[in-house]
C-alpha cells in the first residue's frame, strides 16, 4: 500500500488543528478519532499519542455513489497524525489510488485521482506552514519511508 507523509515540528494538538484547517480549506468534511482513548480500555494497549482525522469530499462521494452506490465508502480518507519518539509529528494518509486502483471503473479511478491530489496538497500545505519544518517524503511502499532526493543546486560560477 502506498502512503503520503510529512513531518512537522509542532505539538500534536497544533498539528491536528493545522491539518483539520487545511482539510476544511480543501472542502473536505472531517471527523476525529482518538485511538488511544478508544482502544486502550478495550485492548489494554498503549499507543503513541495520535489522532485520526477521517475526511471526505461531499462532491467526490456523490460522484462515486453515482457510479455505484456501494462504492461511496471508498472515497473516505483517514489522515493519521502521530507523535514520533524524536518529538516531531508525522502526518500520513493512504493513497486513494492504491484502494480504488484494484477496481476497473473509469469514474471511480477519476474520483480516486481527484482525492489523491487533494490529500497530497493537504499534507504539503500542513508541512509547509511557517510553524512547521517539513521533511519532504515521497509515497511510501509497504510502510517503508522513501526520502525525497535532495534538490539540485546551481552553482553561481
Protein backbone atom coordinates (compact mmCIF):
# COMPACT_ATOMS: atom_id res chain seq x y z
CA UNK A 1 0.00 0.00 0.00
CA UNK A 2 1.22 3.48 -0.76
CA UNK A 3 1.14 6.39 1.67
CA UNK A 4 1.83 10.10 1.62
CA UNK A 5 3.51 11.54 4.67
CA UNK A 6 5.33 14.52 6.02
CA UNK A 7 6.83 15.53 9.33
CA UNK A 8 6.27 18.76 11.23
CA UNK A 9 7.91 20.34 14.25
CA UNK A 10 4.84 21.28 16.26
CA UNK A 11 2.81 19.77 19.05
CA UNK A 12 0.31 17.04 18.30
CA UNK A 13 -2.57 19.41 19.12
CA UNK A 14 -1.19 22.10 16.81
CA UNK A 15 -0.63 19.54 14.02
CA UNK A 16 -4.20 18.26 14.41
CA UNK A 17 -5.60 21.80 14.32
CA UNK A 18 -3.49 22.74 11.29
CA UNK A 19 -4.40 19.55 9.43
CA UNK A 20 -8.11 19.97 10.22
CA UNK A 21 -7.98 23.58 8.99
CA UNK A 22 -6.26 22.62 5.73
CA UNK A 23 -8.63 19.69 5.13
CA UNK A 24 -11.58 22.03 5.55
CA UNK A 25 -9.98 24.63 3.29
CA UNK A 26 -9.83 21.91 0.62
CA UNK A 27 -13.60 21.42 1.15
CA UNK A 28 -13.25 18.11 2.97
CA UNK A 29 -15.62 17.21 5.80
CA UNK A 30 -13.74 15.97 8.88
CA UNK A 31 -14.48 13.67 11.83
CA UNK A 32 -11.95 12.95 14.59
CA UNK A 33 -10.99 9.73 16.39
CA UNK A 34 -8.52 9.31 19.25
CA UNK A 35 -7.35 5.66 19.05
CA UNK A 36 -5.54 5.88 22.39
CA UNK A 37 -8.72 6.80 24.25
CA UNK A 38 -10.93 4.49 22.22
CA UNK A 39 -8.78 1.36 22.11
CA UNK A 40 -6.80 1.48 25.36
CA UNK A 41 -9.73 0.46 27.60
CA UNK A 42 -10.71 -2.35 25.24
CA UNK A 43 -7.29 -3.73 24.40
CA UNK A 44 -5.20 -2.67 27.40
CA UNK A 45 -2.62 -1.41 24.92
CA UNK A 46 -0.62 1.79 24.84
CA UNK A 47 -0.18 3.71 21.61
CA UNK A 48 1.99 6.66 20.78
CA UNK A 49 -0.18 9.75 21.00
CA UNK A 50 -2.09 10.05 17.76
CA UNK A 51 -5.30 11.30 16.22
CA UNK A 52 -7.08 10.07 13.11
CA UNK A 53 -8.97 12.60 11.03
CA UNK A 54 -11.43 10.86 8.75
CA UNK A 55 -12.07 13.14 5.79
CA UNK A 56 -14.25 13.03 2.73
CA UNK A 57 -15.30 15.29 -0.08
CA UNK A 58 -19.09 15.51 -0.42
CA UNK A 59 -18.69 16.16 -4.16
CA UNK A 60 -16.36 13.19 -4.72
CA UNK A 61 -18.61 10.97 -2.60
CA UNK A 62 -21.60 12.00 -4.75
CA UNK A 63 -19.65 11.16 -7.90
CA UNK A 64 -18.57 7.79 -6.51
CA UNK A 65 -22.09 6.88 -5.40
CA UNK A 66 -23.49 7.81 -8.80
CA UNK A 67 -21.00 5.38 -10.28
CA UNK A 68 -22.21 2.68 -7.88
CA UNK A 69 -23.98 3.14 -4.53
CA UNK A 70 -21.84 0.60 -2.73
CA UNK A 71 -18.66 2.45 -3.66
CA UNK A 72 -19.32 5.66 -1.69
CA UNK A 73 -17.35 4.47 1.33
CA UNK A 74 -14.11 4.02 -0.57
CA UNK A 75 -13.64 7.76 -1.00
CA UNK A 76 -13.14 8.33 2.72
CA UNK A 77 -9.57 9.11 3.62
CA UNK A 78 -8.09 8.67 7.09
CA UNK A 79 -5.25 11.02 7.97
CA UNK A 80 -3.07 9.74 10.82
CA UNK A 81 -1.34 12.40 12.91
CA UNK A 82 1.13 10.74 15.29
CA UNK A 83 3.83 11.90 17.70
CA UNK A 84 7.21 10.41 16.95
CA UNK A 85 9.87 9.45 19.51
CA UNK A 86 12.11 12.31 18.30
CA UNK A 87 9.44 14.93 19.11
CA UNK A 88 8.26 15.55 15.56
CA UNK A 89 4.74 14.79 14.39
CA UNK A 90 4.12 12.60 11.36
CA UNK A 91 1.10 13.27 9.16
CA UNK A 92 0.23 10.44 6.77
CA UNK A 93 -2.59 9.13 4.62
CA UNK A 94 -3.06 6.19 2.30
CA UNK A 95 -3.01 6.92 -1.41
CA UNK A 96 -6.63 6.58 -2.63
CA UNK A 97 -5.35 5.24 -5.94
CA UNK A 98 -3.99 2.21 -4.09
CA UNK A 99 -7.50 1.38 -2.87
CA UNK A 100 -9.52 2.20 -5.95
CA UNK A 101 -6.84 1.06 -8.37
CA UNK A 102 -7.97 -2.52 -7.90
CA UNK A 103 -11.35 -1.68 -9.42
CA UNK A 104 -11.83 -1.49 -13.15
CA UNK A 105 -14.13 1.53 -13.17
CA UNK A 106 -13.24 4.71 -15.07
CA UNK A 107 -15.25 7.20 -12.97
CA UNK A 108 -14.07 5.73 -9.65
CA UNK A 109 -10.49 5.94 -10.88
CA UNK A 110 -11.05 9.64 -11.68
CA UNK A 111 -12.59 10.20 -8.23
CA UNK A 112 -9.60 8.49 -6.59
CA UNK A 113 -7.18 10.63 -8.60
CA UNK A 114 -9.01 13.80 -7.55
CA UNK A 115 -8.98 12.72 -3.89
CA UNK A 116 -5.30 11.77 -4.19
CA UNK A 117 -4.48 15.27 -5.43
CA UNK A 118 -6.44 16.82 -2.56
CA UNK A 119 -4.73 14.70 0.09
CA UNK A 120 -1.27 15.37 -1.35
CA UNK A 121 -1.97 19.12 -1.25
CA UNK A 122 -3.28 18.89 2.31
CA UNK A 123 -0.13 17.19 3.60
CA UNK A 124 2.11 19.57 1.63
CA UNK A 125 0.14 22.58 2.92
CA UNK A 126 0.37 21.49 6.56
CA UNK A 127 4.05 20.63 6.28
CA UNK A 128 4.85 24.00 4.69
CA UNK A 129 3.22 26.11 7.42
CA UNK A 130 5.57 28.66 8.99
CA UNK A 131 5.32 27.00 12.41
CA UNK A 132 6.30 23.69 10.86
CA UNK A 133 9.53 22.45 9.39
CA UNK A 134 8.83 19.72 6.91
CA UNK A 135 10.96 16.80 5.87
CA UNK A 136 9.63 16.01 2.37
CA UNK A 137 8.62 12.44 1.65
CA UNK A 138 7.69 10.51 -1.44
CA UNK A 139 4.86 7.99 -1.34
CA UNK A 140 5.74 5.00 0.82
CA UNK A 141 5.50 1.40 -0.13
CA UNK A 142 4.90 -1.34 2.42
CA UNK A 143 5.28 1.16 5.25
CA UNK A 144 8.88 1.99 4.34
CA UNK A 145 9.54 5.68 4.01
CA UNK A 146 11.31 6.86 0.92
CA UNK A 147 13.13 10.14 1.50
CA UNK A 148 12.87 12.71 -1.25
CA UNK A 149 16.06 13.30 -3.21
CA UNK A 150 17.94 16.48 -2.38
CA UNK A 151 17.05 19.33 -4.72
CA UNK A 152 19.61 20.16 -7.35
CA UNK A 153 21.54 23.35 -6.65
CA UNK A 154 23.04 25.55 -9.33
CA UNK A 155 26.45 26.99 -8.69
CA UNK A 156 26.94 30.71 -9.09
CA UNK A 157 30.01 30.30 -11.27
